[in-house]
Each structure stands twice: as structure tokens, then as C-alpha cells.
C-alpha atoms as a PDB file:
ATOM      1  CA  MET A   1      81.451 147.541 188.137  1.00  0.00           C
ATOM      2  CA  ASN A   2      78.868 145.046 189.259  1.00  0.00           C
ATOM      3  CA  ASN A   3      78.687 143.253 185.622  1.00  0.00           C
ATOM      4  CA  ILE A   4      82.751 142.647 185.802  1.00  0.00           C
ATOM      5  CA  ASN A   5      81.897 140.843 189.631  1.00  0.00           C
ATOM      6  CA  ARG A   6      80.129 138.362 187.315  1.00  0.00           C
ATOM      7  CA  LEU A   7      83.053 137.372 185.075  1.00  0.00           C
ATOM      8  CA  THR A   8      83.652 133.857 185.175  1.00  0.00           C
ATOM      9  CA  LEU A   9      85.665 131.265 183.197  1.00  0.00           C
ATOM     10  CA  ASP A  10      84.686 128.187 181.991  1.00  0.00           C
ATOM     11  CA  SER A  11      85.769 124.909 183.663  1.00  0.00           C
ATOM     12  CA  ARG A  12      87.114 123.263 180.837  1.00  0.00           C
ATOM     13  CA  GLU A  13      89.152 126.460 180.518  1.00  0.00           C
ATOM     14  CA  VAL A  14      90.431 126.260 183.815  1.00  0.00           C
ATOM     15  CA  ALA A  15      91.357 122.238 182.908  1.00  0.00           C
ATOM     16  CA  VAL A  16      93.279 123.622 180.409  1.00  0.00           C
ATOM     17  CA  MET A  17      94.982 125.884 182.452  1.00  0.00           C
ATOM     18  CA  LEU A  18      95.333 123.515 185.587  1.00  0.00           C
ATOM     19  CA  GLU A  19      96.200 120.688 182.172  1.00  0.00           C
ATOM     20  CA  LYS A  20      94.023 118.464 184.235  1.00  0.00           C
ATOM     21  CA  GLU A  21      91.254 116.265 182.735  1.00  0.00           C
ATOM     22  CA  HIS A  22      87.874 118.263 183.363  1.00  0.00           C
ATOM     23  CA  ASN A  23      86.051 115.404 184.460  1.00  0.00           C
ATOM     24  CA  HIS A  24      88.450 115.322 187.382  1.00  0.00           C
ATOM     25  CA  LEU A  25      88.422 119.027 187.890  1.00  0.00           C
ATOM     26  CA  LEU A  26      84.960 118.258 188.080  1.00  0.00           C
ATOM     27  CA  ARG A  27      85.779 115.721 191.186  1.00  0.00           C
ATOM     28  CA  ASP A  28      87.580 118.016 193.220  1.00  0.00           C
ATOM     29  CA  ILE A  29      84.677 121.202 192.720  1.00  0.00           C
ATOM     30  CA  SER A  30      82.566 118.818 194.030  1.00  0.00           C
ATOM     31  CA  VAL A  31      84.351 118.043 197.014  1.00  0.00           C
ATOM     32  CA  TYR A  32      85.229 121.376 197.127  1.00  0.00           C
ATOM     33  CA  ALA A  33      81.345 122.426 197.063  1.00  0.00           C
ATOM     34  CA  LYS A  34      80.692 120.062 199.691  1.00  0.00           C
ATOM     35  CA  TYR A  35      82.945 121.687 202.580  1.00  0.00           C
ATOM     36  CA  LEU A  36      81.577 125.161 201.818  1.00  0.00           C
ATOM     37  CA  THR A  37      77.993 124.068 201.711  1.00  0.00           C
ATOM     38  CA  GLU A  38      78.734 122.788 204.923  1.00  0.00           C
ATOM     39  CA  THR A  39      80.516 125.564 206.392  1.00  0.00           C
ATOM     40  CA  LYS A  40      77.840 127.882 205.224  1.00  0.00           C
ATOM     41  CA  ILE A  41      79.763 129.781 202.674  1.00  0.00           C
ATOM     42  CA  GLY A  42      78.217 130.873 199.414  1.00  0.00           C
ATOM     43  CA  LEU A  43      79.039 127.980 196.889  1.00  0.00           C
ATOM     44  CA  SER A  44      77.798 130.793 193.754  1.00  0.00           C
ATOM     45  CA  ASP A  45      80.825 133.141 195.220  1.00  0.00           C
ATOM     46  CA  PHE A  46      83.028 130.845 193.731  1.00  0.00           C
ATOM     47  CA  PHE A  47      81.525 128.187 191.375  1.00  0.00           C
ATOM     48  CA  GLN A  48      78.696 127.534 189.927  1.00  0.00           C
ATOM     49  CA  GLU A  49      77.644 124.540 188.308  1.00  0.00           C
ATOM     50  CA  SER A  50      75.720 124.946 184.832  1.00  0.00           C
ATOM     51  CA  THR A  51      75.450 122.430 181.757  1.00  0.00           C
ATOM     52  CA  TYR A  52      76.725 122.066 178.268  1.00  0.00           C
ATOM     53  CA  LYS A  53      76.374 120.172 175.420  1.00  0.00           C
ATOM     54  CA  ASP A  54      78.840 117.894 173.904  1.00  0.00           C
ATOM     55  CA  ILE A  55      78.735 117.525 169.863  1.00  0.00           C
ATOM     56  CA  THR A  56      76.160 114.198 169.883  1.00  0.00           C
ATOM     57  CA  GLY A  57      73.969 116.272 172.102  1.00  0.00           C
ATOM     58  CA  ARG A  58      74.555 114.443 175.480  1.00  0.00           C
ATOM     59  CA  THR A  59      74.139 117.787 178.359  1.00  0.00           C
ATOM     60  CA  LEU A  60      76.720 117.613 180.549  1.00  0.00           C
ATOM     61  CA  LYS A  61      78.089 118.758 183.878  1.00  0.00           C
ATOM     62  CA  LYS A  62      80.551 122.007 183.669  1.00  0.00           C
ATOM     63  CA  TYR A  63      81.136 125.195 186.206  1.00  0.00           C
ATOM     64  CA  GLN A  64      81.434 128.177 185.630  1.00  0.00           C
ATOM     65  CA  ILE A  65      84.121 129.626 187.957  1.00  0.00           C
ATOM     66  CA  THR A  66      84.856 132.959 189.908  1.00  0.00           C
ATOM     67  CA  LYS A  67      87.415 135.239 190.126  1.00  0.00           C
ATOM     68  CA  LYS A  68      87.614 133.858 194.068  1.00  0.00           C
ATOM     69  CA  GLY A  69      86.650 130.419 192.657  1.00  0.00           C
ATOM     70  CA  CYS A  70      89.991 130.243 190.725  1.00  0.00           C
ATOM     71  CA  GLU A  71      92.041 132.032 193.370  1.00  0.00           C
ATOM     72  CA  PHE A  72      90.908 128.912 195.547  1.00  0.00           C
ATOM     73  CA  LEU A  73      91.856 126.684 192.977  1.00  0.00           C
ATOM     74  CA  ALA A  74      95.367 128.376 193.097  1.00  0.00           C
ATOM     75  CA  HIS A  75      95.999 127.877 196.584  1.00  0.00           C
ATOM     76  CA  LYS A  76      95.566 124.070 195.478  1.00  0.00           C
ATOM     77  CA  GLN A  77      98.148 123.940 193.894  1.00  0.00           C
ATOM     78  CA  THR A  78     101.858 123.523 194.531  1.00  0.00           C
ATOM     79  CA  GLY A  79     105.086 125.240 193.091  1.00  0.00           C
ATOM     80  CA  ARG A  80     105.893 126.265 189.503  1.00  0.00           C
ATOM     81  CA  LYS A  81     102.198 124.681 188.646  1.00  0.00           C
ATOM     82  CA  GLY A  82     100.918 127.129 190.617  1.00  0.00           C
ATOM     83  CA  SER A  83     102.700 130.014 189.616  1.00  0.00           C
ATOM     84  CA  SER A  84     101.336 129.298 185.816  1.00  0.00           C
ATOM     85  CA  PHE A  85      97.785 128.747 186.956  1.00  0.00           C
ATOM     86  CA  THR A  86      97.631 131.544 188.801  1.00  0.00           C
ATOM     87  CA  ALA A  87      99.394 133.812 186.094  1.00  0.00           C
ATOM     88  CA  SER A  88      96.745 132.657 183.248  1.00  0.00           C
ATOM     89  CA  TYR A  89      93.589 132.902 185.205  1.00  0.00           C
ATOM     90  CA  ILE A  90      94.654 136.912 186.066  1.00  0.00           C
ATOM     91  CA  ASN A  91      95.767 137.190 182.946  1.00  0.00           C
ATOM     92  CA  ARG A  92      92.052 136.340 181.522  1.00  0.00           C
ATOM     93  CA  PHE A  93      90.058 137.657 183.587  1.00  0.00           C
ATOM     94  CA  HIS A  94      92.165 141.123 183.229  1.00  0.00           C
ATOM     95  CA  GLU A  95      91.265 140.395 179.557  1.00  0.00           C
ATOM     96  CA  MET A  96      87.229 140.199 180.301  1.00  0.00           C
ATOM     97  CA  GLU A  97      87.853 142.944 182.392  1.00  0.00           C
ATOM     98  CA  ALA A  98      89.202 144.901 179.322  1.00  0.00           C
ATOM     99  CA  GLN A  99      86.617 143.873 177.236  1.00  0.00           C
ATOM    100  CA  LEU A 100      83.777 144.629 179.631  1.00  0.00           C
ATOM    101  CA  SER A 101      85.262 148.326 179.294  1.00  0.00           C
ATOM    102  CA  LYS A 102      85.046 148.357 175.843  1.00  0.00           C
ATOM    103  CA  LYS A 103      81.965 146.616 174.502  1.00  0.00           C
ATOM    104  CA  PRO A 104      78.013 146.380 176.018  1.00  0.00           C
ATOM    105  CA  LEU A 105      77.438 143.707 178.745  1.00  0.00           C
ATOM    106  CA  GLN A 106      75.855 141.497 175.891  1.00  0.00           C
ATOM    107  CA  GLN A 107      78.275 141.211 173.410  1.00  0.00           C
ATOM    108  CA  THR A 108      80.576 140.159 175.956  1.00  0.00           C
ATOM    109  CA  LEU A 109      78.234 137.280 177.168  1.00  0.00           C
ATOM    110  CA  ILE A 110      78.611 135.755 173.452  1.00  0.00           C
ATOM    111  CA  GLU A 111      80.601 132.247 173.607  1.00  0.00           C
ATOM    112  CA  GLU A 112      83.415 132.796 171.441  1.00  0.00           C
ATOM    113  CA  PRO A 113      85.198 130.107 170.238  1.00  0.00           C
ATOM    114  CA  TYR A 114      88.267 128.548 171.984  1.00  0.00           C
ATOM    115  CA  LYS A 115      91.352 129.808 170.392  1.00  0.00           C
ATOM    116  CA  PRO A 116      94.263 127.588 171.522  1.00  0.00           C
ATOM    117  CA  THR A 117      98.234 128.981 171.853  1.00  0.00           C
ATOM    118  CA  VAL A 118     100.016 126.537 169.358  1.00  0.00           C
ATOM    119  CA  LYS A 119     102.897 125.004 170.788  1.00  0.00           C
ATOM    120  CA  TYR A 120     105.474 122.906 169.607  1.00  0.00           C
ATOM    121  CA  TRP A 121     107.731 119.894 169.542  1.00  0.00           C
ATOM    122  CA  LYS A 122     111.348 119.619 167.413  1.00  0.00           C
ATOM    123  CA  GLY A 123     109.825 122.802 165.397  1.00  0.00           C
ATOM    124  CA  VAL A 124     106.539 120.558 164.525  1.00  0.00           C
ATOM    125  CA  PRO A 125     103.750 122.940 165.460  1.00  0.00           C
ATOM    126  CA  VAL A 126     101.482 120.689 167.709  1.00  0.00           C
ATOM    127  CA  LEU A 127      98.569 120.860 170.035  1.00  0.00           C
ATOM    128  CA  THR A 128      97.240 119.858 173.516  1.00  0.00           C
ATOM    129  CA  LYS A 129      94.941 116.400 174.142  1.00  0.00           C
ATOM    130  CA  LEU A 130      92.956 119.573 176.718  1.00  0.00           C
ATOM    131  CA  ASP A 131      93.052 122.198 173.528  1.00  0.00           C
ATOM    132  CA  VAL A 132      90.968 119.705 170.852  1.00  0.00           C
ATOM    133  CA  ALA A 133      89.013 119.223 173.408  1.00  0.00           C
ATOM    134  CA  MET A 134      88.203 122.372 174.307  1.00  0.00           C
ATOM    135  CA  ILE A 135      88.079 123.114 170.475  1.00  0.00           C
ATOM    136  CA  LEU A 136      85.953 120.285 169.249  1.00  0.00           C
ATOM    137  CA  ASN A 137      83.145 121.530 172.952  1.00  0.00           C
ATOM    138  CA  VAL A 138      83.950 117.861 174.302  1.00  0.00           C
ATOM    139  CA  ASP A 139      85.329 116.632 177.383  1.00  0.00           C
ATOM    140  CA  ALA A 140      89.509 114.960 177.243  1.00  0.00           C
ATOM    141  CA  SER A 141      88.163 111.056 177.818  1.00  0.00           C
ATOM    142  CA  ALA A 142      86.372 111.483 173.854  1.00  0.00           C
ATOM    143  CA  ILE A 143      89.846 112.419 172.163  1.00  0.00           C
ATOM    144  CA  GLN A 144      91.865 110.032 174.478  1.00  0.00           C
ATOM    145  CA  ASN A 145      89.286 107.093 172.606  1.00  0.00           C
ATOM    146  CA  TYR A 146      90.517 108.550 169.365  1.00  0.00           C
ATOM    147  CA  ILE A 147      94.093 108.196 170.450  1.00  0.00           C
ATOM    148  CA  ARG A 148      93.521 104.801 172.086  1.00  0.00           C
ATOM    149  CA  ARG A 149      91.878 103.254 168.761  1.00  0.00           C
ATOM    150  CA  PRO A 150      93.499 100.574 167.083  1.00  0.00           C
ATOM    151  CA  TRP A 151      94.826 101.347 163.888  1.00  0.00           C
ATOM    152  CA  PHE A 152      93.732 104.599 163.997  1.00  0.00           C
ATOM    153  CA  MET A 153      96.823 106.867 164.672  1.00  0.00           C
ATOM    154  CA  THR A 154     100.592 106.390 164.626  1.00  0.00           C
ATOM    155  CA  GLU A 155     101.641 107.647 167.514  1.00  0.00           C
ATOM    156  CA  ASN A 156     105.170 109.880 167.023  1.00  0.00           C
ATOM    157  CA  VAL A 157     103.012 111.060 163.490  1.00  0.00           C
ATOM    158  CA  ASP A 158      99.910 111.716 164.837  1.00  0.00           C
ATOM    159  CA  PHE A 159     100.850 112.605 168.180  1.00  0.00           C
ATOM    160  CA  TYR A 160     103.512 111.712 170.831  1.00  0.00           C
ATOM    161  CA  PHE A 161     103.115 111.094 174.487  1.00  0.00           C
ATOM    162  CA  LEU A 162     105.559 113.493 176.205  1.00  0.00           C
ATOM    163  CA  ARG A 163     107.103 112.727 179.715  1.00  0.00           C
ATOM    164  CA  GLY A 164     110.708 112.406 181.484  1.00  0.00           C
ATOM    165  CA  HIS A 165     113.150 114.488 179.385  1.00  0.00           C
ATOM    166  CA  ASP A 166     110.949 114.514 176.289  1.00  0.00           C
ATOM    167  CA  LEU A 167     108.599 117.007 178.141  1.00  0.00           C
ATOM    168  CA  PHE A 168     111.878 118.853 179.870  1.00  0.00           C
ATOM    169  CA  GLU A 169     112.443 119.590 176.058  1.00  0.00           C
ATOM    170  CA  TYR A 170     108.721 120.189 175.457  1.00  0.00           C
ATOM    171  CA  ARG A 171     108.278 122.744 178.062  1.00  0.00           C
ATOM    172  CA  ARG A 172     112.197 124.656 177.152  1.00  0.00           C
ATOM    173  CA  GLU A 173     110.882 124.764 174.180  1.00  0.00           C
ATOM    174  CA  ASN A 174     107.830 126.617 174.707  1.00  0.00           C
ATOM    175  CA  LYS A 175     109.226 128.228 177.693  1.00  0.00           C
ATOM    176  CA  ILE A 176     106.175 126.707 179.920  1.00  0.00           C
ATOM    177  CA  LYS A 177     107.269 126.566 183.327  1.00  0.00           C
ATOM    178  CA  SER A 178     104.338 123.816 185.124  1.00  0.00           C
ATOM    179  CA  THR A 179     104.900 120.807 186.340  1.00  0.00           C
ATOM    180  CA  ILE A 180     103.409 117.368 185.004  1.00  0.00           C
ATOM    181  CA  ALA A 181     104.294 114.331 184.502  1.00  0.00           C
ATOM    182  CA  ALA A 182     102.937 113.469 180.989  1.00  0.00           C
ATOM    183  CA  LEU A 183     101.561 114.779 178.129  1.00  0.00           C
ATOM    184  CA  ILE A 184      99.804 114.240 175.175  1.00  0.00           C
ATOM    185  CA  VAL A 185     100.493 116.556 171.863  1.00  0.00           C
ATOM    186  CA  LEU A 186      98.446 116.087 168.440  1.00  0.00           C
ATOM    187  CA  THR A 187     100.149 117.506 165.103  1.00  0.00           C
ATOM    188  CA  GLU A 188      98.217 118.950 162.362  1.00  0.00           C
ATOM    189  CA  SER A 189      97.338 115.286 160.594  1.00  0.00           C
ATOM    190  CA  GLY A 190      96.640 114.372 164.356  1.00  0.00           C
ATOM    191  CA  VAL A 191      93.817 117.171 164.474  1.00  0.00           C
ATOM    192  CA  ARG A 192      92.538 116.083 160.982  1.00  0.00           C
ATOM    193  CA  LYS A 193      91.597 112.606 161.530  1.00  0.00           C
ATOM    194  CA  ILE A 194      89.696 113.615 164.539  1.00  0.00           C
ATOM    195  CA  TYR A 195      87.590 116.109 162.597  1.00  0.00           C
ATOM    196  CA  GLU A 196      87.281 113.807 159.544  1.00  0.00           C
ATOM    197  CA  ALA A 197      85.817 110.924 162.562  1.00  0.00           C
ATOM    198  CA  ARG A 198      83.398 113.929 163.416  1.00  0.00           C
ATOM    199  CA  ASN A 199      82.505 115.009 160.473  1.00  0.00           C
ATOM    200  CA  ARG A 200      83.912 118.377 161.214  1.00  0.00           C
ATOM    201  CA  LYS A 201      85.577 120.584 158.265  1.00  0.00           C
ATOM    202  CA  PHE A 202      89.266 121.173 159.391  1.00  0.00           C
ATOM    203  CA  THR A 203      90.712 123.949 158.107  1.00  0.00           C
ATOM    204  CA  PRO A 204      94.579 123.629 159.157  1.00  0.00           C
ATOM    205  CA  ALA A 205      95.481 127.601 158.827  1.00  0.00           C
ATOM    206  CA  GLU A 206      93.335 128.522 161.870  1.00  0.00           C
ATOM    207  CA  LEU A 207      94.090 125.494 164.240  1.00  0.00           C
ATOM    208  CA  PHE A 208      97.948 126.224 162.887  1.00  0.00           C
ATOM    209  CA  PRO A 209      98.989 129.213 161.845  1.00  0.00           C
ATOM    210  CA  VAL A 210     101.807 130.004 159.755  1.00  0.00           C
ATOM    211  CA  LYS A 211     104.918 131.815 161.381  1.00  0.00           C
ATOM    212  CA  SER A 212     105.064 135.246 160.195  1.00  0.00           C
ATOM    213  CA  SER A 213     107.848 135.991 157.566  1.00  0.00           C
ATOM    214  CA  CYS A 214     109.576 138.430 159.663  1.00  0.00           C
ATOM    215  CA  GLU A 215     110.846 135.989 162.711  1.00  0.00           C
ATOM    216  CA  PRO A 216     114.105 134.549 162.305  1.00  0.00           C
ATOM    217  CA  GLN A 217     114.354 131.698 160.114  1.00  0.00           C
ATOM    218  CA  ARG A 218     115.950 128.822 161.383  1.00  0.00           C
ATOM    219  CA  PRO A 219     118.161 126.617 159.666  1.00  0.00           C
ATOM    220  CA  MET A 220     115.706 123.423 158.171  1.00  0.00           C
ATOM    221  CA  LEU A 221     116.394 119.562 159.084  1.00  0.00           C
ATOM    222  CA  VAL A 222     115.237 116.483 157.177  1.00  0.00           C
ATOM    223  CA  ASN A 223     112.214 115.550 159.017  1.00  0.00           C
ATOM    224  CA  ALA A 224     112.033 111.103 158.415  1.00  0.00           C
ATOM    225  CA  PRO A 225     110.112 110.371 161.391  1.00  0.00           C
ATOM    226  CA  MET A 226     107.603 112.034 159.861  1.00  0.00           C
ATOM    227  CA  ASN A 227     107.283 110.775 156.210  1.00  0.00           C
ATOM    228  CA  MET A 228     105.440 107.557 156.014  1.00  0.00           C
ATOM    229  CA  GLU A 229     106.375 106.970 152.881  1.00  0.00           C
ATOM    230  CA  LEU A 230     110.201 105.984 154.405  1.00  0.00           C
ATOM    231  CA  GLN A 231     109.494 104.719 156.719  1.00  0.00           C
ATOM    232  CA  LYS A 232     107.245 101.873 155.244  1.00  0.00           C
ATOM    233  CA  LYS A 233     110.480 101.697 152.906  1.00  0.00           C
ATOM    234  CA  ILE A 234     112.830 101.475 155.420  1.00  0.00           C
ATOM    235  CA  LYS A 235     110.821  98.958 157.714  1.00  0.00           C
ATOM    236  CA  ASP A 236     110.627  96.992 153.996  1.00  0.00           C
ATOM    237  CA  LEU A 237     114.629  96.823 154.206  1.00  0.00           C
ATOM    238  CA  GLU A 238     115.340  95.835 157.458  1.00  0.00           C
ATOM    239  CA  GLY A 239     113.046  93.049 156.705  1.00  0.00           C
ATOM    240  CA  LYS A 240     115.021  91.712 153.738  1.00  0.00           C
ATOM    241  CA  LEU A 241     118.699  92.683 155.619  1.00  0.00           C
ATOM    242  CA  ILE A 242     117.166  90.236 158.039  1.00  0.00           C
ATOM    243  CA  ALA A 243     116.536  87.444 155.621  1.00  0.00           C
ATOM    244  CA  LEU A 244     120.023  87.413 154.441  1.00  0.00           C
ATOM    245  CA  HIS A 245     121.626  87.486 157.668  1.00  0.00           C
ATOM    246  CA  GLU A 246     119.697  84.570 158.303  1.00  0.00           C
ATOM    247  CA  VAL A 247     120.019  82.856 154.937  1.00  0.00           C
ATOM    248  CA  LEU A 248     123.727  83.316 155.150  1.00  0.00           C
ATOM    249  CA  LYS A 249     124.015  81.002 158.122  1.00  0.00           C
ATOM    250  CA  LEU A 250     122.362  78.375 157.010  1.00  0.00           C
ATOM    251  CA  TYR A 251     125.132  79.270 153.915  1.00  0.00           C
ATOM    252  CA  ASN A 252     127.533  78.568 156.052  1.00  0.00           C
ATOM    253  CA  TYR A 253     126.707  75.176 157.143  1.00  0.00           C
ATOM    254  CA  CYS A 254     125.068  73.736 154.279  1.00  0.00           C
ATOM    255  CA  ASN A 255     127.016  70.074 153.813  1.00  0.00           C
ATOM    256  CA  THR A 256     125.880  69.039 150.614  1.00  0.00           C
ATOM    257  CA  PRO A 257     126.675  71.212 146.608  1.00  0.00           C
ATOM    258  CA  GLU A 258     122.378  71.123 146.351  1.00  0.00           C
ATOM    259  CA  LYS A 259     122.307  73.412 149.378  1.00  0.00           C
ATOM    260  CA  SER A 260     124.955  74.917 148.558  1.00  0.00           C
ATOM    261  CA  GLN A 261     123.736  75.982 145.307  1.00  0.00           C
ATOM    262  CA  CYS A 262     120.165  76.730 146.762  1.00  0.00           C
ATOM    263  CA  PHE A 263     121.601  78.979 149.292  1.00  0.00           C
ATOM    264  CA  ALA A 264     123.609  80.931 146.653  1.00  0.00           C
ATOM    265  CA  THR A 265     120.600  81.717 144.551  1.00  0.00           C
ATOM    266  CA  THR A 266     118.749  83.097 147.320  1.00  0.00           C
ATOM    267  CA  ILE A 267     121.005  85.126 148.496  1.00  0.00           C
ATOM    268  CA  LYS A 268     121.579  86.886 145.605  1.00  0.00           C
ATOM    269  CA  ASP A 269     117.837  86.784 144.979  1.00  0.00           C
ATOM    270  CA  ILE A 270     117.973  88.835 148.285  1.00  0.00           C
ATOM    271  CA  GLY A 271     120.542  90.763 147.464  1.00  0.00           C
ATOM    272  CA  ILE A 272     119.074  91.900 144.550  1.00  0.00           C
ATOM    273  CA  LYS A 273     116.017  93.072 145.539  1.00  0.00           C
ATOM    274  CA  ILE A 274     117.736  94.576 148.372  1.00  0.00           C
ATOM    275  CA  SER A 275     119.813  96.934 146.411  1.00  0.00           C
ATOM    276  CA  CYS A 276     116.694  97.614 144.531  1.00  0.00           C
ATOM    277  CA  ASP A 277     115.152  98.650 148.361  1.00  0.00           C
ATOM    278  CA  ALA A 278     118.177 100.897 149.307  1.00  0.00           C
ATOM    279  CA  LEU A 279     118.229 103.271 146.090  1.00  0.00           C
ATOM    280  CA  ASP A 280     114.328 103.805 146.989  1.00  0.00           C
ATOM    281  CA  VAL A 281     115.052 104.549 150.324  1.00  0.00           C
ATOM    282  CA  ILE A 282     117.162 107.078 149.170  1.00  0.00           C
ATOM    283  CA  ASN A 283     115.673 108.394 146.419  1.00  0.00           C
ATOM    284  CA  THR A 284     112.467 109.315 148.364  1.00  0.00           C
ATOM    285  CA  LYS A 285     111.611 113.115 148.750  1.00  0.00           C
ATOM    286  CA  LEU A 286     112.426 113.820 152.791  1.00  0.00           C
ATOM    287  CA  SER A 287     110.085 117.238 154.095  1.00  0.00           C
ATOM    288  CA  LEU A 288     111.639 119.255 156.227  1.00  0.00           C
ATOM    289  CA  ILE A 289     111.401 121.169 159.502  1.00  0.00           C
ATOM    290  CA  PRO A 290     113.066 123.874 161.481  1.00  0.00           C
ATOM    291  CA  ALA A 291     116.125 123.282 163.217  1.00  0.00           C
ATOM    292  CA  GLU A 292     115.341 123.172 167.477  1.00  0.00           C
ATOM    293  CA  GLY A 293     117.072 126.417 169.801  1.00  0.00           C
ATOM    294  CA  VAL A 294     118.857 127.639 166.220  1.00  0.00           C
ATOM    295  CA  GLY A 295     118.088 131.083 164.526  1.00  0.00           C
END
């Protein structure tokens, strides 16, 4: 029973449950710790200050949070977010208590790798920014820096910034009840880029497992936005169509035979290129994704 009373959750995992940046949670806990200390209430019964090393070797602050500490944090949440967090931390403590009853204590104290639950955005497997931070044992701000790095990631391909209606659809697709203003999720390609930048081996099957074949199969849709080759060809074609439109306007107002002949030749050349580009677009092989909400 004493062993069960010593069970705690890493503040980085709790931050994921609360859908908060870890540094924001640390700031909140520091404020709560001050209040508890001033009122002479045992701080260690709720929050136990600790440290961890990030991938660069820096020693950073964290907290080990007891069940009482999670209850304390839950009281600071409201509505669906509070209910979701309460259910999450209760389930985690029940899991740890069940493991503790089956294994020797020294086995349960060995830290296991964080294993996130894969979510989906329009059928595409994704991980949240906080999931990736927990996997790599870094602060979420480090992942944010990769997302903001110029030319490193492509929005709507490597990551999605969800808010408003998109965020509502994401919660509906994954049956998530928590309420947040915005969320960043990363696709397999985005996570791969971060792994490669950190010289880490990336094994897609571990983070983005293939769905079981026993699950109902959904109809497949063309996944054009995720096809970079297609997007480049479409952009080239659109550029030539804009050029043709401008040349046609000039041709309409030309006032000499020489200009007319020059514009006519240009229109012919652009038209041939447009025809070739259009064929390239329709001949590009497209990847497929499961149709949302069908099956």
C-alpha cells in the first residue's frame, strides 16, 4: 500500500493530458507550491521537484506529481477539459497500481518510453506537438522551433495548425471532448524531419502503426494536398495560365501588325506549354487516404 502511495506522474506527461506547454504547467505549479508552502501544507504530498536531461544534455526542471497533486490540478480546470483530465489521470494511476500489484517494485520504477495514442486528421495518422516532445524527452518549445524554422516544414503537409471548425472536426474524428483554442499536429513526414534533424533513428511502424485488418475498411479518397509533386505541377500550370491571361489582354489592345504577330506567337508558345503541363498534372499518380466518417 505504501508503494501505491508513492506513485507519481511526470509533469511532462501531465502537461500532455492537460494539453498545455510543459513550461506553462511548471509556471502554474510554482505558483501553487508557493501558496502551499505559505499555508504550511506538505508540498511533497502534491508536487515533488525533480530534474531530467534533454537530448542535448541540459538539466531541466520537472515535477513528479502525486495523485493528490493531480486532483489539485483537476480542480483548477473547468468544463469538458477538467472532466477529460480527471478521467486521464485516474486511468493512469489505476494502470500503475495494477502493474504494481503484479510486478516487484524495482521493475515498476524503471521508466518506460512514452507511448502516445495515434490520432487522425481527415484519415491521416498524426501526433500532437506535445506527443512528439514527450517521445523525444524535450520541452514542447523545441518542437515548436522546428515547425517555425523557415523552409524546414510545410504546413498542411508536415503539420496542421488546427483551430475553429478544423479543431472541432479533429475532436469529433478522434472522439476527444477537451476544449482548447488551437492545436498543432504532425504527420509522419513532419516527425521524420524532426528525427533526422536530431540524428535519431525513425521507425514509422512504432509511432504510426498500421491499422488492424480486422477494422472496417473505409472507402479511399485521392490525397492530392499531400502529394508534393502534384502541388508543384499545379503551381507551374497556374503560373502559365496567369501569363496567358495577361498576354491576351495585351493582344486585345495591340495597335500594329508587328505587335499582333509578336503576341500571337507568344500566345501559341504559352498554349503549347499549358497543354503539356495539363497532361503532366492528370498523369501524376496520387496517393490515397481513407474517406472520413464512412465505413
